């Protein structure tokens, strides 16, 4: 490893975040309290959502959202295999089953046409499909117009995995296609789940947020995220009832977010648009450079009027034009001091999902084939222009060296 190694991802923590955490520590309230409440209020304002509920991870948020829409044992949820395992594992938490759908080869997002096919197939088998769970891969919004239309006509709920998609927007049209508008991801589906993991577009180390317009969903999540107690910690200690009094009304979970994490989130939220602007600058620089090479395929940004969060910059190698494979490409990048990653190893290739649902590579051919040629490059606000140039220089040098 070179001395000046550029990591794949780094959070941007500055004096403001540090000061906010110190203020929290001096205030003596470390668990869910006033900072978490403030974070929820401010996040809801930024998104334009009626409700925002802080949780200790996006995984927790997805679990809570599916529980809140009433997902039952042996019901089905349609989702993508092109994601991290958390997206599907939360379905199994509730003893329900994922139906994995292939991806669009252009965007790598879930393909609405394949969703419709699976709905029809499972309806013929009399399987009960409850919901669709799309993932906005890399920060490029899914075709939510098509997905919401499917959900409406088939009486399904939609829970979005927006772990990559803050801030991102999507285009929607009226039935006549005459009224086009942009909606922020977080205001479209029945519930939307964001991640604040250390590598995400804003970071609290661990943490997440669920947004919804549905009061019943919000109330259920609020109840279930802390042991099924009918008042959360903050309310218990600020209400006019004795602080020791509470009632357990459901078998809930321990999914609340601490004030220490929320303190970081409050300051990160203020910088979210600045962070997105910088990631977009980096992505544009990459695409301008890599588009000159037939050996490389740059990520899709299907509608330039929509906001792409650019959580990931996923380059694809045209392997037939190179003498090396993707894994060797990553090794060559590392030798030049550049950290890379792969997003994702599709779920149908993992032992648990493969064996549990008898999945084979040919059942999801697009995901299977695209996995072999994807590589995620560094794209984070802390990168300097020199860092960006280093990544471009390394990748293009490898292409020149190993082109057929």
Protein backbone atom coordinates (compact mmCIF):
# COMPACT_ATOMS: atom_id res chain seq x y z
CA UNK A 1 0.00 0.00 0.00
CA UNK A 2 1.36 3.42 -0.93
CA UNK A 3 2.13 6.08 1.67
CA UNK A 4 -0.51 8.49 0.34
CA UNK A 5 -3.30 5.94 0.04
CA UNK A 6 -6.68 7.43 -0.86
CA UNK A 7 -9.39 5.53 1.05
CA UNK A 8 -12.59 4.51 -0.68
CA UNK A 9 -14.70 6.59 1.74
CA UNK A 10 -14.21 9.09 4.56
CA UNK A 11 -16.78 11.10 6.54
CA UNK A 12 -16.46 14.88 6.64
CA UNK A 13 -16.56 15.74 10.34
CA UNK A 14 -15.71 19.36 11.10
CA UNK A 15 -15.59 21.73 14.06
CA UNK A 16 -19.36 22.24 14.04
CA UNK A 17 -20.09 18.55 14.60
CA UNK A 18 -17.46 18.32 17.33
CA UNK A 19 -18.87 21.38 19.11
CA UNK A 20 -22.42 20.00 18.92
CA UNK A 21 -21.31 16.69 20.44
CA UNK A 22 -19.43 18.49 23.23
CA UNK A 23 -22.56 20.52 23.94
CA UNK A 24 -24.53 17.28 24.19
CA UNK A 25 -22.01 15.70 26.53
CA UNK A 26 -21.99 18.78 28.78
CA UNK A 27 -25.79 18.81 28.77
CA UNK A 28 -25.85 15.34 30.26
CA UNK A 29 -28.48 13.89 27.95
CA UNK A 30 -26.82 11.10 25.98
CA UNK A 31 -29.69 8.85 24.92
CA UNK A 32 -32.77 9.86 22.90
CA UNK A 33 -33.62 13.39 23.98
CA UNK A 34 -33.78 17.01 22.81
CA UNK A 35 -31.11 16.69 20.10
CA UNK A 36 -32.86 13.70 18.54
CA UNK A 37 -36.17 15.53 18.63
CA UNK A 38 -34.57 18.56 16.96
CA UNK A 39 -32.92 16.32 14.34
CA UNK A 40 -36.29 14.79 13.47
CA UNK A 41 -37.92 18.21 13.16
CA UNK A 42 -35.16 19.61 10.95
CA UNK A 43 -34.98 16.50 8.76
CA UNK A 44 -38.74 16.60 8.17
CA UNK A 45 -38.42 20.25 7.11
CA UNK A 46 -35.64 19.52 4.63
CA UNK A 47 -37.52 16.58 3.10
CA UNK A 48 -40.92 18.24 3.28
CA UNK A 49 -42.36 15.21 5.07
CA UNK A 50 -45.09 15.24 7.69
CA UNK A 51 -43.22 12.83 9.94
CA UNK A 52 -39.55 11.95 10.44
CA UNK A 53 -38.60 9.32 12.99
CA UNK A 54 -34.98 8.78 14.02
CA UNK A 55 -33.72 5.22 14.46
CA UNK A 56 -30.36 3.65 15.20
CA UNK A 57 -29.86 2.25 11.69
CA UNK A 58 -31.54 2.07 8.31
CA UNK A 59 -31.93 -1.66 8.92
CA UNK A 60 -33.98 -0.84 11.99
CA UNK A 61 -35.99 1.66 9.99
CA UNK A 62 -36.82 -0.88 7.28
CA UNK A 63 -37.85 -3.43 9.89
CA UNK A 64 -40.09 -0.91 11.63
CA UNK A 65 -41.62 0.31 8.38
CA UNK A 66 -42.51 -3.19 7.21
CA UNK A 67 -43.95 -4.02 10.62
CA UNK A 68 -45.95 -0.78 10.54
CA UNK A 69 -47.59 -1.57 7.19
CA UNK A 70 -48.73 -4.87 8.65
CA UNK A 71 -46.44 -7.36 6.91
CA UNK A 72 -47.43 -10.83 8.10
CA UNK A 73 -45.88 -14.29 8.23
CA UNK A 74 -45.55 -15.95 4.79
CA UNK A 75 -46.51 -12.80 2.88
CA UNK A 76 -44.27 -11.58 0.06
CA UNK A 77 -42.33 -8.38 -0.58
CA UNK A 78 -40.94 -7.63 -4.02
CA UNK A 79 -37.44 -6.21 -3.93
CA UNK A 80 -34.13 -6.19 -5.78
CA UNK A 81 -31.22 -8.58 -5.46
CA UNK A 82 -28.90 -5.66 -6.26
CA UNK A 83 -28.57 -4.41 -2.70
CA UNK A 84 -27.02 -5.03 0.69
CA UNK A 85 -28.48 -7.96 2.59
CA UNK A 86 -30.25 -5.70 5.12
CA UNK A 87 -32.91 -4.82 2.52
CA UNK A 88 -34.04 -8.43 2.35
CA UNK A 89 -33.18 -9.66 5.82
CA UNK A 90 -35.73 -7.36 7.45
CA UNK A 91 -38.43 -9.16 5.47
CA UNK A 92 -37.30 -12.42 7.06
CA UNK A 93 -37.37 -10.78 10.52
CA UNK A 94 -41.16 -10.83 10.11
CA UNK A 95 -41.22 -14.40 8.77
CA UNK A 96 -42.21 -13.08 5.35
CA UNK A 97 -40.41 -13.76 2.06
CA UNK A 98 -38.60 -11.57 -0.49
CA UNK A 99 -39.29 -11.95 -4.19
CA UNK A 100 -36.11 -10.93 -5.96
CA UNK A 101 -36.51 -9.01 -9.21
CA UNK A 102 -33.84 -8.27 -11.78
CA UNK A 103 -32.48 -4.81 -12.49
CA UNK A 104 -32.53 -2.35 -15.36
CA UNK A 105 -29.17 -2.75 -17.16
CA UNK A 106 -28.87 1.01 -17.63
CA UNK A 107 -29.55 2.31 -14.10
CA UNK A 108 -28.97 -0.87 -12.04
CA UNK A 109 -32.23 -0.04 -10.25
CA UNK A 110 -35.12 -2.47 -9.90
CA UNK A 111 -36.92 -2.97 -13.22
CA UNK A 112 -40.67 -2.10 -13.02
CA UNK A 113 -41.47 -4.45 -15.90
CA UNK A 114 -39.95 -7.33 -13.96
CA UNK A 115 -41.96 -6.26 -10.90
CA UNK A 116 -45.20 -6.53 -12.88
CA UNK A 117 -44.21 -9.98 -14.14
CA UNK A 118 -43.53 -11.24 -10.63
CA UNK A 119 -46.80 -9.83 -9.30
CA UNK A 120 -48.74 -11.70 -11.97
CA UNK A 121 -46.74 -14.89 -11.43
CA UNK A 122 -47.23 -14.96 -7.67
CA UNK A 123 -50.86 -13.93 -7.85
CA UNK A 124 -51.49 -16.98 -10.03
CA UNK A 125 -49.90 -19.07 -7.27
CA UNK A 126 -52.17 -17.32 -4.74
CA UNK A 127 -49.18 -15.93 -2.84
CA UNK A 128 -50.05 -12.87 -0.80
CA UNK A 129 -47.88 -9.97 -1.93
CA UNK A 130 -47.98 -7.11 0.56
CA UNK A 131 -45.43 -4.56 -0.65
CA UNK A 132 -42.73 -3.39 -3.04
CA UNK A 133 -39.35 -2.41 -1.58
CA UNK A 134 -37.27 -0.51 -4.17
CA UNK A 135 -33.67 0.58 -3.58
CA UNK A 136 -32.40 3.85 -5.07
CA UNK A 137 -29.02 2.47 -6.05
CA UNK A 138 -26.07 4.83 -5.72
CA UNK A 139 -28.41 7.79 -5.33
CA UNK A 140 -30.16 7.48 -8.71
CA UNK A 141 -33.89 7.42 -8.01
CA UNK A 142 -35.87 4.42 -9.20
CA UNK A 143 -38.74 4.88 -11.65
CA UNK A 144 -41.11 5.71 -8.82
CA UNK A 145 -43.89 6.79 -11.17
CA UNK A 146 -44.10 3.27 -12.59
CA UNK A 147 -43.65 1.63 -9.18
CA UNK A 148 -46.32 3.73 -7.48
CA UNK A 149 -48.70 3.15 -10.39
CA UNK A 150 -48.19 -0.61 -10.01
CA UNK A 151 -48.73 -0.38 -6.27
CA UNK A 152 -51.91 1.62 -6.67
CA UNK A 153 -53.46 -0.70 -9.23
CA UNK A 154 -52.46 -3.86 -7.31
CA UNK A 155 -53.28 -2.54 -3.83
CA UNK A 156 -49.70 -2.84 -2.55
CA UNK A 157 -47.72 -0.74 -0.10
CA UNK A 158 -44.34 0.79 -1.00
CA UNK A 159 -41.42 1.13 1.41
CA UNK A 160 -38.34 2.77 -0.11
CA UNK A 161 -34.79 1.85 0.81
CA UNK A 162 -33.25 5.31 0.39
CA UNK A 163 -29.99 4.51 2.19
CA UNK A 164 -28.14 5.99 -0.82
CA UNK A 165 -30.63 8.68 -1.76
CA UNK A 166 -30.30 11.75 0.43
CA UNK A 167 -30.80 14.19 -1.11
CA UNK A 168 -32.37 12.94 -4.34
CA UNK A 169 -35.44 13.83 -6.37
CA UNK A 170 -37.68 12.00 -8.79
CA UNK A 171 -39.95 13.15 -11.61
CA UNK A 172 -43.67 12.47 -11.39
CA UNK A 173 -46.44 13.17 -13.86
CA UNK A 174 -50.18 13.54 -13.68
CA UNK A 175 -52.39 11.03 -15.45
CA UNK A 176 -52.51 13.32 -18.49
CA UNK A 177 -48.68 13.73 -18.48
CA UNK A 178 -49.22 17.47 -18.68
CA UNK A 179 -48.20 18.29 -15.12
CA UNK A 180 -44.57 17.35 -14.47
CA UNK A 181 -43.00 18.00 -11.09
CA UNK A 182 -40.03 16.90 -9.02
CA UNK A 183 -40.57 15.26 -5.67
CA UNK A 184 -37.96 14.67 -3.01
CA UNK A 185 -37.30 11.05 -2.17
CA UNK A 186 -38.89 10.70 1.23
CA UNK A 187 -42.29 12.08 0.21
CA UNK A 188 -43.32 9.58 -2.45
CA UNK A 189 -43.91 6.15 -0.90
CA UNK A 190 -45.82 4.95 2.15
CA UNK A 191 -42.55 5.08 4.07
CA UNK A 192 -38.95 5.91 3.16
CA UNK A 193 -35.85 4.86 5.07
CA UNK A 194 -32.55 6.77 5.03
CA UNK A 195 -29.14 5.75 6.37
CA UNK A 196 -26.58 7.82 8.25
CA UNK A 197 -23.94 5.09 8.38
CA UNK A 198 -20.37 6.38 8.36
CA UNK A 199 -19.98 6.13 4.56
CA UNK A 200 -23.34 7.69 3.67
CA UNK A 201 -24.10 11.13 2.24
CA UNK A 202 -24.54 12.52 5.74
CA UNK A 203 -23.07 10.47 8.57
CA UNK A 204 -23.73 10.03 12.27
CA UNK A 205 -21.61 6.86 12.53
CA UNK A 206 -24.69 4.68 12.93
CA UNK A 207 -28.25 5.87 12.47
CA UNK A 208 -31.19 6.32 10.17
CA UNK A 209 -34.48 8.11 9.62
CA UNK A 210 -37.94 7.03 8.47
CA UNK A 211 -40.18 9.57 6.75
CA UNK A 212 -43.87 9.14 6.01
CA UNK A 213 -47.07 11.05 5.35
CA UNK A 214 -49.13 8.37 7.09
CA UNK A 215 -49.98 9.18 10.71
CA UNK A 216 -50.76 5.55 11.56
CA UNK A 217 -47.38 4.38 10.24
CA UNK A 218 -45.61 7.16 12.16
CA UNK A 219 -47.42 6.33 15.39
CA UNK A 220 -46.64 2.62 15.05
CA UNK A 221 -42.94 3.24 14.39
CA UNK A 222 -42.75 5.70 17.27
CA UNK A 223 -44.22 3.05 19.55
CA UNK A 224 -42.24 0.05 18.33
CA UNK A 225 -38.79 1.65 18.15
CA UNK A 226 -38.52 1.66 21.96
CA UNK A 227 -39.85 -1.56 23.49
CA UNK A 228 -43.50 -0.87 22.69
CA UNK A 229 -43.63 1.77 25.43
CA UNK A 230 -46.39 4.27 24.83
CA UNK A 231 -44.13 7.23 25.60
CA UNK A 232 -40.54 7.57 24.43
CA UNK A 233 -37.74 8.52 26.80
CA UNK A 234 -37.88 12.21 25.92
CA UNK A 235 -41.63 12.45 26.53
CA UNK A 236 -41.38 10.46 29.75
CA UNK A 237 -38.98 12.96 31.24
CA UNK A 238 -40.69 16.11 29.97
CA UNK A 239 -44.37 15.26 30.55
CA UNK A 240 -46.46 16.19 33.58
CA UNK A 241 -46.82 12.54 34.62
CA UNK A 242 -44.33 10.95 37.03
CA UNK A 243 -41.10 10.20 35.16
CA UNK A 244 -41.13 6.61 36.35
CA UNK A 245 -44.55 5.83 34.86
CA UNK A 246 -44.90 4.11 31.48
CA UNK A 247 -47.01 1.44 29.83
CA UNK A 248 -45.89 -1.36 27.52
CA UNK A 249 -48.59 -1.87 24.90
CA UNK A 250 -46.70 -3.98 22.32
CA UNK A 251 -43.58 -6.19 22.12
CA UNK A 252 -41.34 -3.58 20.55
CA UNK A 253 -37.65 -3.23 19.72
CA UNK A 254 -34.62 -1.22 20.87
CA UNK A 255 -34.16 0.98 17.81
CA UNK A 256 -33.94 4.54 19.17
CA UNK A 257 -31.18 6.99 18.15
CA UNK A 258 -28.96 8.63 20.75
CA UNK A 259 -28.53 12.36 21.22
CA UNK A 260 -24.80 12.01 20.58
CA UNK A 261 -25.48 10.68 17.08
CA UNK A 262 -28.26 13.21 16.54
CA UNK A 263 -25.91 16.04 17.50
CA UNK A 264 -23.64 15.05 14.62
CA UNK A 265 -26.68 14.68 12.36
CA UNK A 266 -27.94 18.18 13.08
CA UNK A 267 -24.73 19.70 11.76
CA UNK A 268 -24.35 17.24 8.87
CA UNK A 269 -27.89 18.07 7.76
CA UNK A 270 -26.98 21.74 7.40
CA UNK A 271 -24.20 20.76 4.99
CA UNK A 272 -26.10 18.12 3.01
CA UNK A 273 -26.58 20.23 -0.12
CA UNK A 274 -22.97 21.42 -0.07
CA UNK A 275 -21.83 17.82 0.25
CA UNK A 276 -24.08 16.78 -2.66
CA UNK A 277 -22.74 19.61 -4.82
CA UNK A 278 -19.17 18.43 -4.26
CA UNK A 279 -20.00 14.79 -4.96
CA UNK A 280 -21.71 15.86 -8.17
CA UNK A 281 -18.64 17.87 -9.20
CA UNK A 282 -16.48 14.80 -8.68
CA UNK A 283 -18.92 12.55 -10.55
CA UNK A 284 -19.04 14.97 -13.48
CA UNK A 285 -15.24 15.13 -13.61
CA UNK A 286 -15.05 11.34 -13.62
CA UNK A 287 -17.67 10.95 -16.34
CA UNK A 288 -16.07 13.58 -18.55
CA UNK A 289 -12.73 11.77 -18.35
CA UNK A 290 -13.95 8.18 -18.55
CA UNK A 291 -16.41 8.77 -21.38
CA UNK A 292 -13.40 9.10 -23.68
CA UNK A 293 -12.61 5.40 -23.27
CA UNK A 294 -14.64 2.64 -24.91
CA UNK A 295 -13.36 0.27 -22.23
CA UNK A 296 -15.36 2.13 -19.58
CA UNK A 297 -19.08 2.73 -19.03
CA UNK A 298 -19.98 5.66 -16.80
CA UNK A 299 -22.99 5.61 -14.44
CA UNK A 300 -26.40 6.54 -15.74
CA UNK A 301 -28.02 9.81 -14.72
CA UNK A 302 -31.24 9.29 -16.59
CA UNK A 303 -32.77 12.72 -16.03
CA UNK A 304 -30.36 15.65 -15.55
CA UNK A 305 -33.21 17.73 -14.08
CA UNK A 306 -33.47 15.29 -11.18
CA UNK A 307 -31.07 15.40 -8.23
CA UNK A 308 -28.76 12.40 -8.04
CA UNK A 309 -27.25 12.09 -4.56
CA UNK A 310 -24.05 10.48 -5.94
CA UNK A 311 -23.55 8.36 -2.85
CA UNK A 312 -21.73 5.97 -5.17
CA UNK A 313 -19.87 6.40 -8.43
CA UNK A 314 -20.06 2.96 -10.03
CA UNK A 315 -17.86 2.54 -13.08
CA UNK A 316 -18.44 -0.47 -15.33
CA UNK A 317 -15.68 -2.19 -17.26
CA UNK A 318 -16.33 -3.35 -20.80
CA UNK A 319 -14.46 -6.56 -20.16
CA UNK A 320 -14.37 -7.71 -23.79
CA UNK A 321 -12.11 -4.73 -24.52
CA UNK A 322 -9.69 -5.41 -21.64
CA UNK A 323 -7.19 -8.15 -20.88
CA UNK A 324 -7.95 -8.08 -17.14
CA UNK A 325 -11.07 -8.67 -15.08
CA UNK A 326 -12.73 -6.44 -12.48
CA UNK A 327 -10.85 -7.92 -9.53
CA UNK A 328 -7.51 -7.32 -11.19
CA UNK A 329 -8.59 -3.76 -12.01
CA UNK A 330 -9.22 -3.13 -8.30
CA UNK A 331 -5.82 -4.62 -7.43
CA UNK A 332 -4.19 -2.31 -9.96
CA UNK A 333 -6.01 0.70 -8.49
CA UNK A 334 -4.86 -0.28 -5.00
CA UNK A 335 -1.28 -0.58 -6.24
CA UNK A 336 -1.61 3.03 -7.41
CA UNK A 337 -2.87 4.14 -3.99
CA UNK A 338 -6.60 4.27 -4.73
CA UNK A 339 -9.21 2.48 -2.61
CA UNK A 340 -12.18 0.98 -4.46
CA UNK A 341 -15.11 -1.25 -3.60
CA UNK A 342 -17.84 -3.34 -5.25
CA UNK A 343 -21.56 -2.55 -4.96
CA UNK A 344 -23.06 -5.07 -4.73
CA UNK A 345 -22.54 -8.80 -4.63
CA UNK A 346 -26.14 -9.58 -5.68
CA UNK A 347 -28.11 -11.39 -2.99
CA UNK A 348 -28.92 -14.41 -5.14
CA UNK A 349 -25.19 -15.22 -5.19
CA UNK A 350 -24.92 -15.37 -1.39
CA UNK A 351 -25.27 -18.80 0.24
CA UNK A 352 -28.22 -18.00 2.49
CA UNK A 353 -30.46 -16.41 -0.15
CA UNK A 354 -29.32 -18.80 -2.87
CA UNK A 355 -30.07 -21.90 -0.83
CA UNK A 356 -33.17 -20.65 1.00
CA UNK A 357 -34.96 -19.75 -2.23
CA UNK A 358 -33.23 -22.10 -4.71
CA UNK A 359 -31.88 -19.20 -6.74
CA UNK A 360 -29.52 -19.62 -9.69
CA UNK A 361 -27.49 -17.01 -11.58
CA UNK A 362 -29.60 -17.38 -14.73
CA UNK A 363 -32.76 -16.41 -12.81
CA UNK A 364 -31.45 -12.83 -12.49
CA UNK A 365 -29.22 -12.54 -15.56
CA UNK A 366 -28.73 -8.78 -15.62
CA UNK A 367 -27.62 -8.60 -11.98
CA UNK A 368 -25.39 -11.65 -12.48
CA UNK A 369 -23.64 -10.20 -15.51
CA UNK A 370 -23.31 -6.61 -14.28
CA UNK A 371 -21.78 -7.75 -10.99
CA UNK A 372 -18.74 -9.04 -12.86
CA UNK A 373 -17.83 -5.61 -14.19
CA UNK A 374 -18.77 -3.00 -11.56
CA UNK A 375 -16.28 -1.07 -9.45
CA UNK A 376 -17.10 1.79 -7.08
CA UNK A 377 -14.65 4.69 -7.06
CA UNK A 378 -14.08 7.17 -4.22
CA UNK A 379 -16.60 10.03 -4.28
CA UNK A 380 -16.83 12.07 -1.10
CA UNK A 381 -16.63 15.78 -0.24
CA UNK A 382 -13.33 15.51 1.61
CA UNK A 383 -11.56 14.67 -1.65
CA UNK A 384 -9.43 17.43 -3.13
CA UNK A 385 -9.16 18.20 -6.83
CA UNK A 386 -5.75 16.51 -6.69
CA UNK A 387 -7.39 13.38 -5.26
CA UNK A 388 -9.92 13.36 -8.09
CA UNK A 389 -7.16 13.71 -10.66
CA UNK A 390 -5.27 10.83 -9.06
CA UNK A 391 -8.30 8.55 -9.41
CA UNK A 392 -8.78 9.54 -13.04
CA UNK A 393 -5.10 9.14 -13.82
CA UNK A 394 -4.94 5.71 -12.17
CA UNK A 395 -8.05 4.34 -13.88
CA UNK A 396 -7.13 5.62 -17.32
CA UNK A 397 -3.55 4.41 -16.94
CA UNK A 398 -4.85 0.91 -16.21
CA UNK A 399 -7.16 1.02 -19.22
CA UNK A 400 -4.32 2.08 -21.51
CA UNK A 401 -2.04 -0.61 -20.13
CA UNK A 402 -4.53 -3.48 -20.37
CA UNK A 403 -6.70 -2.62 -23.36
CA UNK A 404 -7.04 -5.26 -26.06
